[in-house]
Amino acid sequence: MSRAHRSCLPTVRWKAFSSILAIFAAFPCVAAANSAKPLCNEGGTVCVDASLANSLVANPLTVNVQVNSPGDMDLDWELRDSSGNVLDLGSTEDRFDWPGKDPLPRRTLHIMDFILRPAGTTQGTLILSPTAHTGRDDEAKELPQLTIPVRLSTARSVVTILEPEDPNHFHDDYYNWANTHLSSDPTPYITKIPFTAHQIEVMYFERKLAVGMTAAVVINRYQGESPWYLTHWSLVGNTAHVGLNGCGWSGVSNYVSLVNYVLRRSMLSIPGVADYVFDRPN
């Protein structure tokens, strides 16, 4: 990924930052920090709490990575089971972080990602790959990886989402409407294209996380020209709330609206959800 892409600014600043903090507090990947020496890569540029080693990874994956380098840094992560299957991967590059909490250069990188594939073995590996940015001619330097053995649950959960029977027809239908729709017209987009239920197996997650997991599956299946990702979710009463973020491109607002439509259809299929709100910026 180029430095030019890395520097693109998120087009949306979603509200409810406090809910993000609550997510990390409520669903830790590992036990509370202890006094053991932290696990670090060669050179000690990135470290994690020692309790992460051989711990049971929960879904979603949440890890805080301490940065011990003076410059700006990004981090790729990859979670594999012992048979080599990739269960989850991602990057902190261009991802929204808490404003004011860790200003650049960030001293802590926050990993939070839903694991969208089931594990085939109970043993696995989390690989953290840091990249330092020097600021000279967009230079990026790959640093030594940090490889951490972890335990995995082979239990599975099923996520149900609603998708159009004819995805190409749906895309054409939506974008034709969006390109001719006046922004002053409050009439929402409605399609006669049938939607059907699809069931996707993922690593086990607690049912109270159904809103977040459903949103993560939809976003994963509807990627745009640059990565977009889930920032927060909640269920307030019987109303599901979801927020996204990512970098912009020409036509990104139509992309977000299309994903929002699919999200709404999928959210309303979750038992106990009667309404859906796509959180907009303040």
Protein backbone atom coordinates (compact mmCIF):
# COMPACT_ATOMS: atom_id res chain seq x y z
CA MET A 1 0.00 0.00 0.00
CA SER A 2 1.43 3.35 -1.03
CA ARG A 3 2.23 6.22 1.29
CA ALA A 4 -0.23 8.31 -0.74
CA HIS A 5 -3.02 5.90 0.14
CA ARG A 6 -1.81 5.73 3.71
CA SER A 7 -2.19 9.48 4.11
CA CYS A 8 -5.79 9.62 2.87
CA LEU A 9 -8.08 11.09 5.48
CA PRO A 10 -11.22 9.26 6.61
CA THR A 11 -14.27 10.77 4.97
CA VAL A 12 -16.49 10.20 7.97
CA ARG A 13 -16.02 10.80 11.69
CA TRP A 14 -18.58 8.66 13.41
CA LYS A 15 -19.99 9.40 16.85
CA ALA A 16 -20.14 7.21 19.97
CA PHE A 17 -16.39 6.99 20.58
CA SER A 18 -17.20 5.94 24.12
CA SER A 19 -18.87 2.80 22.79
CA ILE A 20 -15.58 1.81 21.13
CA LEU A 21 -13.81 2.04 24.46
CA ALA A 22 -16.57 -0.02 26.04
CA ILE A 23 -16.11 -2.70 23.40
CA PHE A 24 -12.43 -3.09 24.22
CA ALA A 25 -13.16 -3.16 27.95
CA ALA A 26 -15.98 -5.68 27.63
CA PHE A 27 -14.37 -8.16 25.23
CA PRO A 28 -10.65 -8.48 25.98
CA CYS A 29 -8.64 -11.05 24.06
CA VAL A 30 -6.57 -11.92 27.11
CA ALA A 31 -6.63 -11.60 30.86
CA ALA A 32 -5.63 -8.40 32.65
CA ALA A 33 -2.00 -7.39 32.47
CA ASN A 34 0.37 -9.02 34.92
CA SER A 35 3.90 -8.28 36.02
CA ALA A 36 5.58 -10.69 33.55
CA LYS A 37 8.03 -9.30 31.03
CA PRO A 38 6.18 -8.21 27.87
CA LEU A 39 6.56 -10.04 24.56
CA CYS A 40 8.50 -7.94 22.06
CA ASN A 41 9.86 -8.30 18.54
CA GLU A 42 13.58 -8.23 17.86
CA GLY A 43 14.73 -4.74 18.78
CA GLY A 44 11.73 -4.17 21.05
CA THR A 45 9.93 -1.76 18.71
CA VAL A 46 6.53 -3.38 19.39
CA CYS A 47 5.43 -5.28 22.50
CA VAL A 48 2.30 -6.96 23.85
CA ASP A 49 1.36 -8.12 27.31
CA ALA A 50 2.99 -11.43 28.24
CA SER A 51 -0.40 -12.98 29.05
CA LEU A 52 -1.25 -13.01 25.35
CA ALA A 53 1.07 -15.99 24.75
CA ASN A 54 -0.91 -19.26 24.71
CA SER A 55 -4.09 -17.42 25.69
CA LEU A 56 -7.51 -18.28 24.23
CA VAL A 57 -8.40 -15.83 21.48
CA ALA A 58 -11.94 -14.49 21.68
CA ASN A 59 -14.03 -13.23 18.78
CA PRO A 60 -13.62 -10.33 18.10
CA LEU A 61 -9.83 -10.28 18.34
CA THR A 62 -8.71 -7.36 20.51
CA VAL A 63 -5.06 -6.61 21.26
CA ASN A 64 -3.24 -3.48 22.38
CA VAL A 65 0.29 -3.19 20.98
CA GLN A 66 2.80 -0.90 22.66
CA VAL A 67 5.03 1.07 20.27
CA ASN A 68 8.60 1.77 21.41
CA SER A 69 9.77 3.64 18.33
CA PRO A 70 10.01 7.43 18.06
CA GLY A 71 8.41 7.67 14.62
CA ASP A 72 5.03 6.86 13.12
CA MET A 73 4.28 3.16 12.77
CA ASP A 74 1.63 0.88 11.29
CA LEU A 75 0.98 -2.74 12.07
CA ASP A 76 -0.32 -5.63 9.98
CA TRP A 77 -1.73 -8.65 11.78
CA GLU A 78 -2.52 -12.19 10.72
CA LEU A 79 -4.16 -14.96 12.72
CA ARG A 80 -3.61 -18.55 11.54
CA ASP A 81 -4.52 -21.94 12.91
CA SER A 82 -1.84 -24.64 13.07
CA SER A 83 -2.93 -26.10 9.71
CA GLY A 84 -2.01 -22.81 8.04
CA ASN A 85 -5.52 -21.47 7.44
CA VAL A 86 -5.73 -17.68 7.68
CA LEU A 87 -8.61 -16.82 10.01
CA ASP A 88 -8.17 -13.05 10.13
CA LEU A 89 -5.86 -10.38 8.78
CA GLY A 90 -5.82 -6.62 8.75
CA SER A 91 -3.80 -3.47 9.24
CA THR A 92 -3.86 -0.36 11.38
CA GLU A 93 -2.96 1.63 8.25
CA ASP A 94 -5.61 4.31 7.63
CA ARG A 95 -7.70 2.99 10.48
CA PHE A 96 -9.42 5.46 12.72
CA ASP A 97 -8.10 5.66 16.27
CA TRP A 98 -9.26 7.60 19.32
CA PRO A 99 -8.70 11.31 18.63
CA GLY A 100 -6.59 13.01 21.26
CA LYS A 101 -5.85 9.77 23.08
CA ASP A 102 -2.87 8.69 21.02
CA PRO A 103 -1.82 11.55 18.73
CA LEU A 104 0.76 10.82 16.07
CA PRO A 105 3.16 9.24 16.51
CA ARG A 106 0.89 6.73 18.26
CA ARG A 107 2.31 4.99 21.31
CA THR A 108 -0.36 2.28 21.35
CA LEU A 109 -1.88 0.55 18.33
CA HIS A 110 -5.34 -0.88 18.95
CA ILE A 111 -6.29 -4.05 17.08
CA MET A 112 -9.99 -4.91 16.98
CA ASP A 113 -11.34 -7.20 14.28
CA PHE A 114 -14.01 -9.86 13.94
CA ILE A 115 -12.71 -13.31 12.98
CA LEU A 116 -14.77 -14.31 9.95
CA ARG A 117 -13.49 -17.86 9.48
CA PRO A 118 -13.76 -20.85 11.85
CA ALA A 119 -10.59 -22.46 13.20
CA GLY A 120 -9.72 -26.02 12.26
CA THR A 121 -7.31 -26.57 15.15
CA THR A 122 -7.03 -25.52 18.78
CA GLN A 123 -3.52 -24.13 18.32
CA GLY A 124 -2.69 -21.07 16.30
CA THR A 125 -0.35 -18.16 15.74
CA LEU A 126 -0.83 -14.42 15.79
CA ILE A 127 1.75 -12.63 13.65
CA LEU A 128 2.32 -8.88 14.07
CA SER A 129 4.28 -7.14 11.31
CA PRO A 130 5.26 -3.52 12.09
CA THR A 131 6.27 -0.94 9.50
CA ALA A 132 8.04 2.30 10.46
CA HIS A 133 7.51 5.49 8.46
CA THR A 134 10.50 7.82 8.48
CA GLY A 135 8.87 10.76 6.72
CA ARG A 136 11.74 10.94 4.21
CA ASP A 137 10.51 10.52 0.64
CA ASP A 138 7.60 8.43 1.88
CA GLU A 139 10.07 5.81 3.05
CA ALA A 140 8.61 2.79 4.86
CA LYS A 141 10.80 0.27 6.66
CA GLU A 142 9.61 -3.21 7.54
CA LEU A 143 10.64 -4.19 11.08
CA PRO A 144 11.05 -7.66 12.60
CA GLN A 145 7.80 -9.55 13.13
CA LEU A 146 6.43 -10.63 16.48
CA THR A 147 5.04 -14.19 16.39
CA ILE A 148 2.82 -15.24 19.29
CA PRO A 149 1.41 -18.74 19.94
CA VAL A 150 -2.27 -18.64 20.89
CA ARG A 151 -5.11 -21.06 21.59
CA LEU A 152 -8.20 -21.13 19.38
CA SER A 153 -11.78 -22.27 19.76
CA THR A 154 -12.92 -24.72 17.09
CA ALA A 155 -16.56 -24.02 17.99
CA ARG A 156 -18.53 -22.33 15.24
CA SER A 157 -21.32 -19.81 14.99
CA VAL A 158 -23.59 -19.06 12.03
CA VAL A 159 -24.20 -15.53 10.79
CA THR A 160 -27.25 -14.91 8.59
CA ILE A 161 -27.23 -11.98 6.17
CA LEU A 162 -29.66 -10.98 3.43
CA GLU A 163 -28.27 -10.41 -0.05
CA PRO A 164 -29.83 -9.72 -3.47
CA GLU A 165 -30.51 -12.78 -5.58
CA ASP A 166 -28.93 -10.97 -8.54
CA PRO A 167 -26.02 -8.86 -7.14
CA ASN A 168 -25.08 -7.33 -10.51
CA HIS A 169 -28.66 -6.26 -11.19
CA PHE A 170 -28.87 -4.84 -7.68
CA HIS A 171 -25.67 -2.81 -8.10
CA ASP A 172 -26.83 -1.42 -11.45
CA ASP A 173 -30.29 -0.69 -10.09
CA TYR A 174 -28.93 1.13 -7.05
CA TYR A 175 -26.33 3.23 -8.87
CA ASN A 176 -28.83 4.18 -11.59
CA TRP A 177 -31.12 5.43 -8.83
CA ALA A 178 -28.29 7.22 -7.00
CA ASN A 179 -27.06 8.98 -10.15
CA THR A 180 -30.51 10.39 -10.90
CA HIS A 181 -31.77 10.94 -7.36
CA LEU A 182 -31.92 14.50 -6.10
CA SER A 183 -30.33 14.99 -2.69
CA SER A 184 -33.26 17.23 -1.72
CA ASP A 185 -35.69 14.35 -2.28
CA PRO A 186 -36.18 12.45 0.99
CA THR A 187 -37.62 9.38 -0.77
CA PRO A 188 -35.46 6.38 0.19
CA TYR A 189 -34.19 3.82 -2.27
CA ILE A 190 -36.45 0.76 -2.58
CA THR A 191 -35.80 -2.21 -4.86
CA LYS A 192 -38.05 -5.00 -6.10
CA ILE A 193 -35.06 -7.30 -6.51
CA PRO A 194 -35.57 -10.26 -4.13
CA PHE A 195 -33.19 -10.67 -1.20
CA THR A 196 -32.43 -14.13 0.16
CA ALA A 197 -30.80 -15.36 3.35
CA HIS A 198 -27.19 -16.59 3.29
CA GLN A 199 -25.59 -18.36 6.23
CA ILE A 200 -21.86 -17.96 6.90
CA GLU A 201 -19.90 -20.02 9.43
CA VAL A 202 -17.41 -18.07 11.55
CA MET A 203 -15.41 -18.66 14.72
CA TYR A 204 -17.71 -18.85 17.74
CA PHE A 205 -18.94 -15.55 19.16
CA GLU A 206 -21.36 -14.66 21.93
CA ARG A 207 -24.86 -13.97 20.65
CA LYS A 208 -24.91 -10.53 22.27
CA LEU A 209 -22.36 -9.57 19.59
CA ALA A 210 -24.68 -10.49 16.71
CA VAL A 211 -25.06 -6.89 15.52
CA GLY A 212 -21.30 -6.37 15.25
CA MET A 213 -20.61 -9.74 13.64
CA THR A 214 -23.41 -9.35 11.10
CA ALA A 215 -22.14 -5.90 10.16
CA ALA A 216 -18.56 -7.18 9.82
CA VAL A 217 -19.65 -9.99 7.47
CA VAL A 218 -21.62 -7.59 5.26
CA ILE A 219 -18.76 -5.09 5.06
CA ASN A 220 -16.30 -7.87 4.23
CA ARG A 221 -18.50 -8.96 1.32
CA TYR A 222 -19.03 -5.39 0.06
CA GLN A 223 -15.59 -3.83 -0.12
CA GLY A 224 -15.03 -0.59 -2.01
CA GLU A 225 -12.03 0.87 -3.81
CA SER A 226 -10.20 1.24 -0.49
CA PRO A 227 -10.79 -0.67 2.75
CA TRP A 228 -13.72 0.29 4.96
CA TYR A 229 -14.20 -1.21 8.37
CA LEU A 230 -16.50 -1.40 11.36
CA THR A 231 -15.79 1.18 14.07
CA HIS A 232 -18.61 0.55 16.52
CA TRP A 233 -21.90 -1.21 17.01
CA SER A 234 -24.54 -1.49 19.70
CA LEU A 235 -28.05 -2.71 20.39
CA VAL A 236 -30.11 -0.12 22.24
CA GLY A 237 -33.45 -1.63 23.15
CA ASN A 238 -34.50 -3.23 19.87
CA THR A 239 -32.54 -0.78 17.67
CA ALA A 240 -29.23 -1.80 16.11
CA HIS A 241 -26.60 0.94 15.65
CA VAL A 242 -23.61 0.58 13.31
CA GLY A 243 -20.75 2.93 12.36
CA LEU A 244 -18.17 2.59 9.59
CA ASN A 245 -15.06 4.47 8.55
CA GLY A 246 -12.53 4.45 5.75
CA CYS A 247 -10.82 6.47 3.04
CA GLY A 248 -12.63 8.27 0.28
CA TRP A 249 -12.75 8.14 -3.48
CA SER A 250 -15.01 9.56 -6.15
CA GLY A 251 -18.44 8.11 -5.49
CA VAL A 252 -17.71 6.89 -1.97
CA SER A 253 -20.99 8.33 -0.67
CA ASN A 254 -22.93 6.07 -3.04
CA TYR A 255 -20.86 3.10 -1.90
CA VAL A 256 -21.63 3.85 1.75
CA SER A 257 -25.34 4.20 0.99
CA LEU A 258 -25.40 0.88 -0.89
CA VAL A 259 -23.69 -0.91 2.03
CA ASN A 260 -26.10 0.81 4.39
CA TYR A 261 -29.04 -0.63 2.46
CA VAL A 262 -27.68 -4.18 2.67
CA LEU A 263 -26.84 -3.67 6.34
CA ARG A 264 -30.40 -2.59 7.08
CA ARG A 265 -31.88 -5.66 5.41
CA SER A 266 -29.48 -7.93 7.30
CA MET A 267 -29.88 -6.22 10.66
CA LEU A 268 -33.66 -6.51 10.57
CA SER A 269 -33.28 -10.28 10.16
CA ILE A 270 -31.57 -10.57 13.58
CA PRO A 271 -34.00 -11.86 16.25
CA GLY A 272 -34.94 -9.03 18.59
CA VAL A 273 -33.93 -6.22 16.19
CA ALA A 274 -36.86 -4.10 15.01
CA ASP A 275 -35.04 -0.98 13.79
CA TYR A 276 -31.64 0.00 12.45
CA VAL A 277 -29.63 3.24 12.60
CA PHE A 278 -26.57 3.93 10.50
CA ASP A 279 -24.72 6.40 12.73
CA ARG A 280 -23.87 9.63 11.00
CA PRO A 281 -21.30 12.23 12.11
CA ASN A 282 -22.33 14.89 14.60
